[in-house]
C-alpha atoms as a PDB file:
ATOM      1  CA  MET A   1      81.974  41.143  19.494  1.00  0.00           C
ATOM      2  CA  THR A   2      81.325  38.572  22.175  1.00  0.00           C
ATOM      3  CA  LEU A   3      77.754  38.569  23.752  1.00  0.00           C
ATOM      4  CA  PRO A   4      77.158  37.535  27.471  1.00  0.00           C
ATOM      5  CA  ALA A   5      75.894  34.106  27.839  1.00  0.00           C
ATOM      6  CA  THR A   6      72.969  35.037  30.084  1.00  0.00           C
ATOM      7  CA  GLY A   7      71.373  37.275  27.335  1.00  0.00           C
ATOM      8  CA  SER A   8      67.891  36.245  26.379  1.00  0.00           C
ATOM      9  CA  LEU A   9      67.262  34.929  22.713  1.00  0.00           C
ATOM     10  CA  GLN A  10      64.673  36.590  20.725  1.00  0.00           C
ATOM     11  CA  VAL A  11      63.843  34.827  17.442  1.00  0.00           C
ATOM     12  CA  SER A  12      61.807  36.646  15.026  1.00  0.00           C
ATOM     13  CA  ARG A  13      61.397  36.913  11.107  1.00  0.00           C
ATOM     14  CA  ALA A  14      64.272  38.319   9.045  1.00  0.00           C
ATOM     15  CA  THR A  15      64.198  40.694   6.156  1.00  0.00           C
ATOM     16  CA  LEU A  16      66.005  40.682   2.934  1.00  0.00           C
ATOM     17  CA  GLN A  17      68.349  43.095   4.295  1.00  0.00           C
ATOM     18  CA  ASP A  18      68.984  41.328   7.619  1.00  0.00           C
ATOM     19  CA  TRP A  19      69.893  38.258   5.567  1.00  0.00           C
ATOM     20  CA  ASP A  20      73.224  39.577   4.257  1.00  0.00           C
ATOM     21  CA  VAL A  21      74.890  39.097   7.799  1.00  0.00           C
ATOM     22  CA  VAL A  22      73.528  35.372   7.514  1.00  0.00           C
ATOM     23  CA  ARG A  23      75.144  35.108   3.878  1.00  0.00           C
ATOM     24  CA  ARG A  24      78.330  36.467   5.389  1.00  0.00           C
ATOM     25  CA  TRP A  25      78.441  33.483   8.182  1.00  0.00           C
ATOM     26  CA  ALA A  26      77.702  31.127   5.036  1.00  0.00           C
ATOM     27  CA  VAL A  27      80.760  32.195   3.283  1.00  0.00           C
ATOM     28  CA  ALA A  28      82.923  31.964   6.441  1.00  0.00           C
ATOM     29  CA  GLU A  29      81.618  28.433   6.816  1.00  0.00           C
ATOM     30  CA  GLY A  30      83.077  27.568   3.549  1.00  0.00           C
ATOM     31  CA  TRP A  31      79.527  27.212   1.934  1.00  0.00           C
ATOM     32  CA  ASN A  32      80.107  29.470  -0.759  1.00  0.00           C
ATOM     33  CA  PRO A  33      76.818  30.756  -1.574  1.00  0.00           C
ATOM     34  CA  GLY A  34      76.001  33.162  -4.810  1.00  0.00           C
ATOM     35  CA  VAL A  35      76.512  36.603  -4.146  1.00  0.00           C
ATOM     36  CA  SER A  36      73.040  37.622  -5.521  1.00  0.00           C
ATOM     37  CA  ASP A  37      71.100  34.391  -4.335  1.00  0.00           C
ATOM     38  CA  SER A  38      68.927  36.072  -1.617  1.00  0.00           C
ATOM     39  CA  ALA A  39      66.405  38.020  -3.603  1.00  0.00           C
ATOM     40  CA  ALA A  40      65.287  34.902  -5.298  1.00  0.00           C
ATOM     41  CA  PHE A  41      65.198  33.068  -1.969  1.00  0.00           C
ATOM     42  CA  PHE A  42      62.831  35.699  -0.266  1.00  0.00           C
ATOM     43  CA  ALA A  43      60.866  35.669  -3.643  1.00  0.00           C
ATOM     44  CA  GLN A  44      59.870  32.349  -2.851  1.00  0.00           C
ATOM     45  CA  ASP A  45      58.669  32.617   0.758  1.00  0.00           C
ATOM     46  CA  PRO A  46      59.513  36.031   2.502  1.00  0.00           C
ATOM     47  CA  GLU A  47      58.122  34.828   5.767  1.00  0.00           C
ATOM     48  CA  GLY A  48      60.356  31.630   6.015  1.00  0.00           C
ATOM     49  CA  PHE A  49      63.559  33.472   7.328  1.00  0.00           C
ATOM     50  CA  PHE A  50      64.588  33.709  10.852  1.00  0.00           C
ATOM     51  CA  LEU A  51      67.190  35.315  13.023  1.00  0.00           C
ATOM     52  CA  GLY A  52      67.796  35.020  16.599  1.00  0.00           C
ATOM     53  CA  ARG A  53      69.232  38.171  18.486  1.00  0.00           C
ATOM     54  CA  VAL A  54      70.593  38.342  21.793  1.00  0.00           C
ATOM     55  CA  ASP A  55      70.699  42.021  23.074  1.00  0.00           C
ATOM     56  CA  GLY A  56      69.532  42.923  19.503  1.00  0.00           C
ATOM     57  CA  GLU A  57      72.733  41.431  17.800  1.00  0.00           C
ATOM     58  CA  PRO A  58      72.312  38.350  15.426  1.00  0.00           C
ATOM     59  CA  VAL A  59      73.412  35.041  16.809  1.00  0.00           C
ATOM     60  CA  SER A  60      71.692  32.426  14.871  1.00  0.00           C
ATOM     61  CA  ALA A  61      69.680  31.786  11.651  1.00  0.00           C
ATOM     62  CA  ILE A  62      67.588  29.272   9.835  1.00  0.00           C
ATOM     63  CA  SER A  63      65.158  29.274   6.638  1.00  0.00           C
ATOM     64  CA  VAL A  64      62.088  27.087   6.264  1.00  0.00           C
ATOM     65  CA  VAL A  65      60.969  27.828   2.961  1.00  0.00           C
ATOM     66  CA  ASN A  66      57.367  26.795   2.042  1.00  0.00           C
ATOM     67  CA  TYR A  67      57.241  25.575  -1.683  1.00  0.00           C
ATOM     68  CA  SER A  68      53.726  24.179  -1.715  1.00  0.00           C
ATOM     69  CA  GLU A  69      50.980  23.088   0.589  1.00  0.00           C
ATOM     70  CA  THR A  70      52.823  19.589   0.922  1.00  0.00           C
ATOM     71  CA  TYR A  71      56.793  20.505   1.110  1.00  0.00           C
ATOM     72  CA  ALA A  72      59.302  23.030   2.428  1.00  0.00           C
ATOM     73  CA  PHE A  73      62.924  23.190   2.420  1.00  0.00           C
ATOM     74  CA  LEU A  74      65.233  23.848   5.707  1.00  0.00           C
ATOM     75  CA  GLY A  75      68.547  25.738   5.386  1.00  0.00           C
ATOM     76  CA  PHE A  76      71.168  28.242   6.525  1.00  0.00           C
ATOM     77  CA  TYR A  77      71.137  26.754   9.961  1.00  0.00           C
ATOM     78  CA  LEU A  78      73.887  28.521  11.532  1.00  0.00           C
ATOM     79  CA  VAL A  79      75.132  29.809  15.008  1.00  0.00           C
ATOM     80  CA  ARG A  80      77.859  32.231  15.527  1.00  0.00           C
ATOM     81  CA  PRO A  81      80.939  30.316  16.231  1.00  0.00           C
ATOM     82  CA  ASP A  82      81.562  32.413  19.520  1.00  0.00           C
ATOM     83  CA  LEU A  83      78.015  31.593  20.709  1.00  0.00           C
ATOM     84  CA  ARG A  84      77.631  27.716  20.009  1.00  0.00           C
ATOM     85  CA  GLY A  85      76.678  25.190  22.572  1.00  0.00           C
ATOM     86  CA  LEU A  86      74.205  27.468  24.483  1.00  0.00           C
ATOM     87  CA  GLY A  87      70.951  26.462  22.982  1.00  0.00           C
ATOM     88  CA  HIS A  88      70.503  29.250  20.583  1.00  0.00           C
ATOM     89  CA  GLY A  89      70.580  27.038  17.674  1.00  0.00           C
ATOM     90  CA  LEU A  90      67.894  24.704  18.753  1.00  0.00           C
ATOM     91  CA  ALA A  91      65.565  27.534  20.118  1.00  0.00           C
ATOM     92  CA  THR A  92      65.719  28.996  16.667  1.00  0.00           C
ATOM     93  CA  TRP A  93      65.098  25.765  14.743  1.00  0.00           C
ATOM     94  CA  ARG A  94      62.199  24.953  16.923  1.00  0.00           C
ATOM     95  CA  THR A  95      60.477  28.310  16.207  1.00  0.00           C
ATOM     96  CA  ALA A  96      61.093  28.123  12.559  1.00  0.00           C
ATOM     97  CA  LEU A  97      60.153  24.830  12.135  1.00  0.00           C
ATOM     98  CA  THR A  98      56.265  25.679  13.313  1.00  0.00           C
ATOM     99  CA  HIS A  99      56.224  27.886   9.783  1.00  0.00           C
ATOM    100  CA  ALA A 100      56.274  24.527   7.844  1.00  0.00           C
ATOM    101  CA  GLY A 101      53.418  23.332   9.520  1.00  0.00           C
ATOM    102  CA  ASP A 102      52.605  19.434   8.707  1.00  0.00           C
ATOM    103  CA  ARG A 103      54.338  19.861   5.352  1.00  0.00           C
ATOM    104  CA  THR A 104      57.245  17.557   4.512  1.00  0.00           C
ATOM    105  CA  VAL A 105      60.406  19.316   5.214  1.00  0.00           C
ATOM    106  CA  GLY A 106      63.571  18.477   3.160  1.00  0.00           C
ATOM    107  CA  LEU A 107      67.533  19.499   4.038  1.00  0.00           C
ATOM    108  CA  ASP A 108      70.826  19.220   2.825  1.00  0.00           C
ATOM    109  CA  GLY A 109      72.974  18.009   6.269  1.00  0.00           C
ATOM    110  CA  VAL A 110      76.588  18.010   6.578  1.00  0.00           C
ATOM    111  CA  PRO A 111      78.043  14.674   7.999  1.00  0.00           C
ATOM    112  CA  ASP A 112      78.458  16.115  11.899  1.00  0.00           C
ATOM    113  CA  GLN A 113      74.515  17.307  11.876  1.00  0.00           C
ATOM    114  CA  GLN A 114      73.071  14.077  10.377  1.00  0.00           C
ATOM    115  CA  ASP A 115      72.456  12.331  13.554  1.00  0.00           C
ATOM    116  CA  ASN A 116      70.812  15.293  15.191  1.00  0.00           C
ATOM    117  CA  TYR A 117      68.668  15.439  12.240  1.00  0.00           C
ATOM    118  CA  ARG A 118      67.747  11.783  12.577  1.00  0.00           C
ATOM    119  CA  ARG A 119      66.628  12.573  16.000  1.00  0.00           C
ATOM    120  CA  SER A 120      64.496  15.635  14.950  1.00  0.00           C
ATOM    121  CA  GLY A 121      62.707  13.116  12.451  1.00  0.00           C
ATOM    122  CA  PHE A 122      64.675  13.283   9.134  1.00  0.00           C
ATOM    123  CA  SER A 123      65.677  10.216   7.340  1.00  0.00           C
ATOM    124  CA  SER A 124      68.168  10.130   4.537  1.00  0.00           C
ATOM    125  CA  ALA A 125      67.376   9.717   0.926  1.00  0.00           C
ATOM    126  CA  HIS A 126      70.819  10.143  -0.841  1.00  0.00           C
ATOM    127  CA  ARG A 127      74.118  11.738  -0.539  1.00  0.00           C
ATOM    128  CA  THR A 128      75.478  14.909  -2.553  1.00  0.00           C
ATOM    129  CA  ALA A 129      78.906  15.673  -3.559  1.00  0.00           C
ATOM    130  CA  ARG A 130      80.211  19.247  -4.079  1.00  0.00           C
ATOM    131  CA  TYR A 131      82.495  18.907  -7.258  1.00  0.00           C
ATOM    132  CA  VAL A 132      84.884  22.087  -7.704  1.00  0.00           C
ATOM    133  CA  GLY A 133      87.664  23.125 -10.435  1.00  0.00           C
ATOM    134  CA  GLU A 134      88.475  24.696 -13.581  1.00  0.00           C
ATOM    135  CA  PRO A 135      86.815  22.280 -16.233  1.00  0.00           C
ATOM    136  CA  THR A 136      88.905  20.511 -18.621  1.00  0.00           C
ATOM    137  CA  GLY A 137      89.126  17.321 -20.370  1.00  0.00           C
ATOM    138  CA  PRO A 138      87.762  15.560 -23.118  1.00  0.00           C
ATOM    139  CA  ALA A 139      83.930  15.719 -23.860  1.00  0.00           C
ATOM    140  CA  VAL A 140      81.437  13.154 -23.160  1.00  0.00           C
ATOM    141  CA  PRO A 141      81.213  10.950 -26.237  1.00  0.00           C
ATOM    142  CA  GLY A 142      78.720  12.238 -28.677  1.00  0.00           C
ATOM    143  CA  ALA A 143      78.870  15.788 -27.074  1.00  0.00           C
ATOM    144  CA  PRO A 144      79.351  18.587 -29.481  1.00  0.00           C
ATOM    145  CA  GLY A 145      82.639  20.014 -29.532  1.00  0.00           C
ATOM    146  CA  ALA A 146      85.348  20.346 -26.652  1.00  0.00           C
ATOM    147  CA  PRO A 147      84.651  21.934 -23.220  1.00  0.00           C
ATOM    148  CA  GLY A 148      83.607  25.538 -23.680  1.00  0.00           C
ATOM    149  CA  ALA A 149      83.147  25.205 -27.394  1.00  0.00           C
ATOM    150  CA  PRO A 150      80.224  27.215 -28.561  1.00  0.00           C
ATOM    151  CA  ASP A 151      76.954  25.062 -29.190  1.00  0.00           C
ATOM    152  CA  PRO A 152      74.485  26.454 -31.241  1.00  0.00           C
ATOM    153  CA  SER A 153      71.915  24.279 -29.521  1.00  0.00           C
ATOM    154  CA  VAL A 154      72.515  26.185 -25.972  1.00  0.00           C
ATOM    155  CA  VAL A 155      70.794  29.319 -25.831  1.00  0.00           C
ATOM    156  CA  PRO A 156      69.850  31.961 -23.352  1.00  0.00           C
ATOM    157  CA  ALA A 157      67.043  30.751 -21.183  1.00  0.00           C
ATOM    158  CA  HIS A 158      65.119  33.882 -21.946  1.00  0.00           C
ATOM    159  CA  ASP A 159      64.573  33.176 -25.574  1.00  0.00           C
ATOM    160  CA  VAL A 160      62.890  29.653 -24.438  1.00  0.00           C
ATOM    161  CA  ASP A 161      59.205  29.587 -23.878  1.00  0.00           C
ATOM    162  CA  PRO A 162      58.955  30.155 -20.046  1.00  0.00           C
ATOM    163  CA  ALA A 163      55.936  27.360 -19.645  1.00  0.00           C
ATOM    164  CA  ALA A 164      58.395  24.887 -21.372  1.00  0.00           C
ATOM    165  CA  LEU A 165      61.274  25.774 -18.718  1.00  0.00           C
ATOM    166  CA  ALA A 166      58.584  25.593 -16.188  1.00  0.00           C
ATOM    167  CA  ALA A 167      57.429  22.191 -17.109  1.00  0.00           C
ATOM    168  CA  TYR A 168      60.751  20.987 -17.210  1.00  0.00           C
ATOM    169  CA  ASP A 169      61.547  22.238 -13.902  1.00  0.00           C
ATOM    170  CA  SER A 170      58.603  20.700 -12.512  1.00  0.00           C
ATOM    171  CA  ALA A 171      59.565  17.154 -13.450  1.00  0.00           C
ATOM    172  CA  CYS A 172      63.094  17.934 -11.531  1.00  0.00           C
ATOM    173  CA  HIS A 173      61.840  19.369  -8.026  1.00  0.00           C
ATOM    174  CA  HIS A 174      59.506  18.239  -5.325  1.00  0.00           C
ATOM    175  CA  ALA A 175      57.204  21.362  -5.901  1.00  0.00           C
ATOM    176  CA  GLU A 176      56.331  23.832  -8.380  1.00  0.00           C
ATOM    177  CA  ARG A 177      58.362  27.073  -7.811  1.00  0.00           C
ATOM    178  CA  PRO A 178      57.252  29.583 -10.190  1.00  0.00           C
ATOM    179  CA  ARG A 179      57.990  32.538  -7.604  1.00  0.00           C
ATOM    180  CA  PHE A 180      61.346  31.381  -7.021  1.00  0.00           C
ATOM    181  CA  LEU A 181      62.251  30.501 -10.655  1.00  0.00           C
ATOM    182  CA  ALA A 182      61.366  34.145 -12.278  1.00  0.00           C
ATOM    183  CA  PRO A 183      64.043  35.983 -10.188  1.00  0.00           C
ATOM    184  CA  TRP A 184      66.517  32.969 -10.019  1.00  0.00           C
ATOM    185  CA  LEU A 185      66.635  33.014 -13.827  1.00  0.00           C
ATOM    186  CA  ALA A 186      66.627  36.761 -14.429  1.00  0.00           C
ATOM    187  CA  THR A 187      68.721  38.243 -11.309  1.00  0.00           C
ATOM    188  CA  PRO A 188      71.652  40.423 -12.382  1.00  0.00           C
ATOM    189  CA  GLY A 189      74.830  38.072 -12.493  1.00  0.00           C
ATOM    190  CA  HIS A 190      72.706  34.932 -12.804  1.00  0.00           C
ATOM    191  CA  ARG A 191      73.472  33.448 -16.374  1.00  0.00           C
ATOM    192  CA  ALA A 192      70.550  30.973 -17.253  1.00  0.00           C
ATOM    193  CA  LEU A 193      70.767  28.847 -20.202  1.00  0.00           C
ATOM    194  CA  ALA A 194      68.728  26.114 -22.032  1.00  0.00           C
ATOM    195  CA  ARG A 195      69.390  23.404 -24.633  1.00  0.00           C
ATOM    196  CA  VAL A 196      67.099  23.134 -27.129  1.00  0.00           C
ATOM    197  CA  VAL A 197      67.023  20.130 -30.036  1.00  0.00           C
ATOM    198  CA  ASP A 198      64.445  19.923 -32.495  1.00  0.00           C
ATOM    199  CA  GLY A 199      62.404  22.367 -30.899  1.00  0.00           C
ATOM    200  CA  ARG A 200      62.331  20.639 -27.525  1.00  0.00           C
ATOM    201  CA  VAL A 201      63.802  21.623 -24.302  1.00  0.00           C
ATOM    202  CA  THR A 202      66.477  18.846 -23.199  1.00  0.00           C
ATOM    203  CA  GLY A 203      67.800  20.777 -20.220  1.00  0.00           C
ATOM    204  CA  TYR A 204      68.713  24.145 -18.725  1.00  0.00           C
ATOM    205  CA  GLY A 205      71.012  25.284 -16.010  1.00  0.00           C
ATOM    206  CA  VAL A 206      72.183  28.667 -14.013  1.00  0.00           C
ATOM    207  CA  VAL A 207      75.569  29.820 -13.085  1.00  0.00           C
ATOM    208  CA  ARG A 208      76.196  32.766 -10.979  1.00  0.00           C
ATOM    209  CA  PRO A 209      79.044  34.503  -9.068  1.00  0.00           C
ATOM    210  CA  SER A 210      80.074  33.714  -5.784  1.00  0.00           C
ATOM    211  CA  GLU A 211      83.043  34.454  -3.241  1.00  0.00           C
ATOM    212  CA  ASP A 212      85.004  31.751  -4.559  1.00  0.00           C
ATOM    213  CA  GLU A 213      84.075  29.331  -7.406  1.00  0.00           C
ATOM    214  CA  ALA A 214      81.143  30.216  -9.696  1.00  0.00           C
ATOM    215  CA  ARG A 215      78.314  28.186  -8.459  1.00  0.00           C
ATOM    216  CA  VAL A 216      76.602  26.007 -11.081  1.00  0.00           C
ATOM    217  CA  GLY A 217      72.964  25.182  -9.930  1.00  0.00           C
ATOM    218  CA  HIS A 218      70.636  24.016 -11.260  1.00  0.00           C
ATOM    219  CA  LEU A 219      71.725  21.873 -13.844  1.00  0.00           C
ATOM    220  CA  PHE A 220      69.036  19.522 -15.199  1.00  0.00           C
ATOM    221  CA  ALA A 221      69.216  17.600 -18.494  1.00  0.00           C
ATOM    222  CA  ASP A 222      67.678  14.576 -20.309  1.00  0.00           C
ATOM    223  CA  THR A 223      71.150  13.051 -21.023  1.00  0.00           C
ATOM    224  CA  PRO A 224      74.691  13.302 -20.090  1.00  0.00           C
ATOM    225  CA  VAL A 225      75.367  14.661 -23.737  1.00  0.00           C
ATOM    226  CA  ASP A 226      72.778  17.576 -22.735  1.00  0.00           C
ATOM    227  CA  ALA A 227      74.425  18.031 -19.301  1.00  0.00           C
ATOM    228  CA  ALA A 228      77.822  18.062 -20.831  1.00  0.00           C
ATOM    229  CA  ALA A 229      76.720  20.832 -23.714  1.00  0.00           C
ATOM    230  CA  LEU A 230      75.218  23.050 -21.074  1.00  0.00           C
ATOM    231  CA  LEU A 231      77.845  22.632 -18.446  1.00  0.00           C
ATOM    232  CA  ASP A 232      80.462  23.735 -21.094  1.00  0.00           C
ATOM    233  CA  ALA A 233      78.449  26.638 -21.810  1.00  0.00           C
ATOM    234  CA  LEU A 234      77.900  27.674 -18.210  1.00  0.00           C
ATOM    235  CA  ALA A 235      81.587  27.235 -17.369  1.00  0.00           C
ATOM    236  CA  ALA A 236      82.247  29.716 -20.377  1.00  0.00           C
ATOM    237  CA  GLU A 237      79.775  32.386 -18.948  1.00  0.00           C
ATOM    238  CA  ALA A 238      81.508  31.923 -15.793  1.00  0.00           C
ATOM    239  CA  ARG A 239      85.035  32.693 -17.482  1.00  0.00           C
ATOM    240  CA  ALA A 240      83.115  35.793 -18.797  1.00  0.00           C
ATOM    241  CA  PHE A 241      82.559  37.067 -15.581  1.00  0.00           C
ATOM    242  CA  GLY A 242      85.951  36.467 -14.218  1.00  0.00           C
ATOM    243  CA  SER A 243      85.778  32.859 -12.705  1.00  0.00           C
ATOM    244  CA  ALA A 244      87.999  30.048 -14.245  1.00  0.00           C
ATOM    245  CA  ARG A 245      86.814  27.716 -11.249  1.00  0.00           C
ATOM    246  CA  ILE A 246      83.039  26.368 -10.766  1.00  0.00           C
ATOM    247  CA  ALA A 247      81.654  24.496  -8.006  1.00  0.00           C
ATOM    248  CA  ILE A 248      78.487  22.050  -8.424  1.00  0.00           C
ATOM    249  CA  ASP A 249      76.431  19.805  -5.941  1.00  0.00           C
ATOM    250  CA  MET A 250      75.738  16.930  -7.639  1.00  0.00           C
ATOM    251  CA  PRO A 251      73.288  13.883  -6.150  1.00  0.00           C
ATOM    252  CA  GLU A 252      74.738  10.397  -6.124  1.00  0.00           C
ATOM    253  CA  ALA A 253      71.570   9.334  -7.189  1.00  0.00           C
ATOM    254  CA  ASN A 254      72.480  10.135 -10.591  1.00  0.00           C
ATOM    255  CA  GLN A 255      75.796   8.252 -11.455  1.00  0.00           C
ATOM    256  CA  ALA A 256      76.163  10.125 -14.878  1.00  0.00           C
ATOM    257  CA  ALA A 257      76.634  13.274 -12.832  1.00  0.00           C
ATOM    258  CA  ALA A 258      79.714  12.046 -11.251  1.00  0.00           C
ATOM    259  CA  ARG A 259      81.351  10.920 -14.501  1.00  0.00           C
ATOM    260  CA  LEU A 260      80.806  13.954 -16.124  1.00  0.00           C
ATOM    261  CA  ALA A 261      82.190  15.805 -13.312  1.00  0.00           C
ATOM    262  CA  LEU A 262      85.306  13.691 -13.249  1.00  0.00           C
ATOM    263  CA  ASP A 263      85.593  14.010 -17.013  1.00  0.00           C
ATOM    264  CA  ARG A 264      85.716  17.636 -17.012  1.00  0.00           C
ATOM    265  CA  GLY A 265      88.515  17.633 -14.251  1.00  0.00           C
ATOM    266  CA  LEU A 266      86.707  18.635 -11.354  1.00  0.00           C
ATOM    267  CA  GLU A 267      87.062  16.905  -7.984  1.00  0.00           C
ATOM    268  CA  PRO A 268      84.655  16.346  -5.156  1.00  0.00           C
ATOM    269  CA  THR A 269      85.269  18.406  -2.036  1.00  0.00           C
ATOM    270  CA  PHE A 270      82.603  17.462   0.595  1.00  0.00           C
ATOM    271  CA  GLU A 271      79.477  15.721   0.710  1.00  0.00           C
ATOM    272  CA  THR A 272      75.711  16.454   2.290  1.00  0.00           C
ATOM    273  CA  ALA A 273      72.725  13.960   2.649  1.00  0.00           C
ATOM    274  CA  ARG A 274      69.324  14.761   1.286  1.00  0.00           C
ATOM    275  CA  MET A 275      67.137  14.325   4.160  1.00  0.00           C
ATOM    276  CA  TYR A 276      63.365  14.306   4.525  1.00  0.00           C
ATOM    277  CA  THR A 277      60.669  14.019   7.181  1.00  0.00           C
ATOM    278  CA  GLY A 278      58.062  12.175   5.139  1.00  0.00           C
ATOM    279  CA  PRO A 279      56.951  11.281   1.421  1.00  0.00           C
ATOM    280  CA  VAL A 280      57.729  13.772  -1.338  1.00  0.00           C
ATOM    281  CA  ARG A 281      56.581  14.203  -4.758  1.00  0.00           C
ATOM    282  CA  PRO A 282      58.732  11.919  -7.017  1.00  0.00           C
ATOM    283  CA  ILE A 283      60.797  13.514  -9.428  1.00  0.00           C
ATOM    284  CA  THR A 284      62.931  12.340 -12.754  1.00  0.00           C
ATOM    285  CA  GLN A 285      66.217  11.774 -10.734  1.00  0.00           C
ATOM    286  CA  ASP A 286      68.322  10.884 -13.635  1.00  0.00           C
ATOM    287  CA  ARG A 287      67.758  14.178 -15.176  1.00  0.00           C
ATOM    288  CA  VAL A 288      69.101  16.018 -11.857  1.00  0.00           C
ATOM    289  CA  PHE A 289      72.667  16.600 -12.758  1.00  0.00           C
ATOM    290  CA  GLY A 290      73.119  19.620 -10.172  1.00  0.00           C
ATOM    291  CA  VAL A 291      70.945  20.636  -7.691  1.00  0.00           C
ATOM    292  CA  THR A 292      69.698  24.358  -7.503  1.00  0.00           C
ATOM    293  CA  THR A 293      71.481  24.921  -3.948  1.00  0.00           C
ATOM    294  CA  LEU A 294      71.962  23.209  -0.643  1.00  0.00           C
ATOM    295  CA  GLU A 295      70.215  26.069   0.901  1.00  0.00           C
ATOM    296  CA  LEU A 296      66.847  25.799  -0.798  1.00  0.00           C
ATOM    297  CA  GLY A 297      67.050  22.362  -2.499  1.00  0.00           C
END
C-alpha cells in the first residue's frame, strides 16, 4: 500500500507485537534476523523500540536499546522502500535518540549510510564482515576432531553455572546485559553451547534459525581452538533444525576469526562498520569471534 507523501508522521514506541512488521522489513533488506530474536531484544529495554506511522500505517522504524547508564545501541534503522526520501527516517531517528540520553551509542552501519552516521557524531571503530556457507574443511590445528564431530568439552549452556557465563559475557560486551542474556540463551529454537576445559569456561555461543542461513551469534572464545570446537558444534545444532548453512558476523579486529571462517569454507558476503558516539568500556576483543547481532551489538 502506497501512502500519500503529504501524510503526517507520528513516531511512538512499538510493542513486541508491532515489531514483527519490522522484522519482515529486515528480512526483505537481506539482513536475515533470527526468527525469534525479538523477545530477547525487548527484554533488554522494552522502551527502546520506535515506529513511525503515517495515517496509522508503519513506515519507519528504529531501536535505541539502553544497556547501562553509559551505553546504548542503535539498530533496525529502516524506512519502507516506497516512502524513502521524505524525511520519515530522520524524524524517527531524532525522536528515538533522545531515549539514549547522554549515553555513548553504538551501531553497525552499512557502507552507504556511514557518512550520514559520521555527520550525526559517530566514529568508526572497526569493520565487521558476515561470513556465510556450509561449514566444511579441516579443523584448526589442535582442535578436537573434524568439523561437526562431537566434542565432550562442549556442553549445553544451561549445564554451566550462570554466573560463570555472565562473567565471561561481561568481558566480551561493553555493558552487563543479564536481562538480554536470560531469554537469548533460553528462547525456543535458540541453541546455546559452552566449552568447559578443566572446569573453566573457555567460550560459549548461540545458533538460532532464521529465514535463510542459521545465524551464529554470539561466538566468544579464549582461543581459535575453543572457537573452532564451538563453531563446529553450533553448526551441528543448525543441521539438526534443518539448516546446513550458517551465517556469522565477525569483527576484523580479531583476525583469527576470519581465518577460522575461511578454514571452514565460509565466504564473506557484506560488511558493516562498528561506530560509536563516544568512549566505551573496553572488552577482550580477541575473544569475540562472532558478534551477537548487528541489530543489538
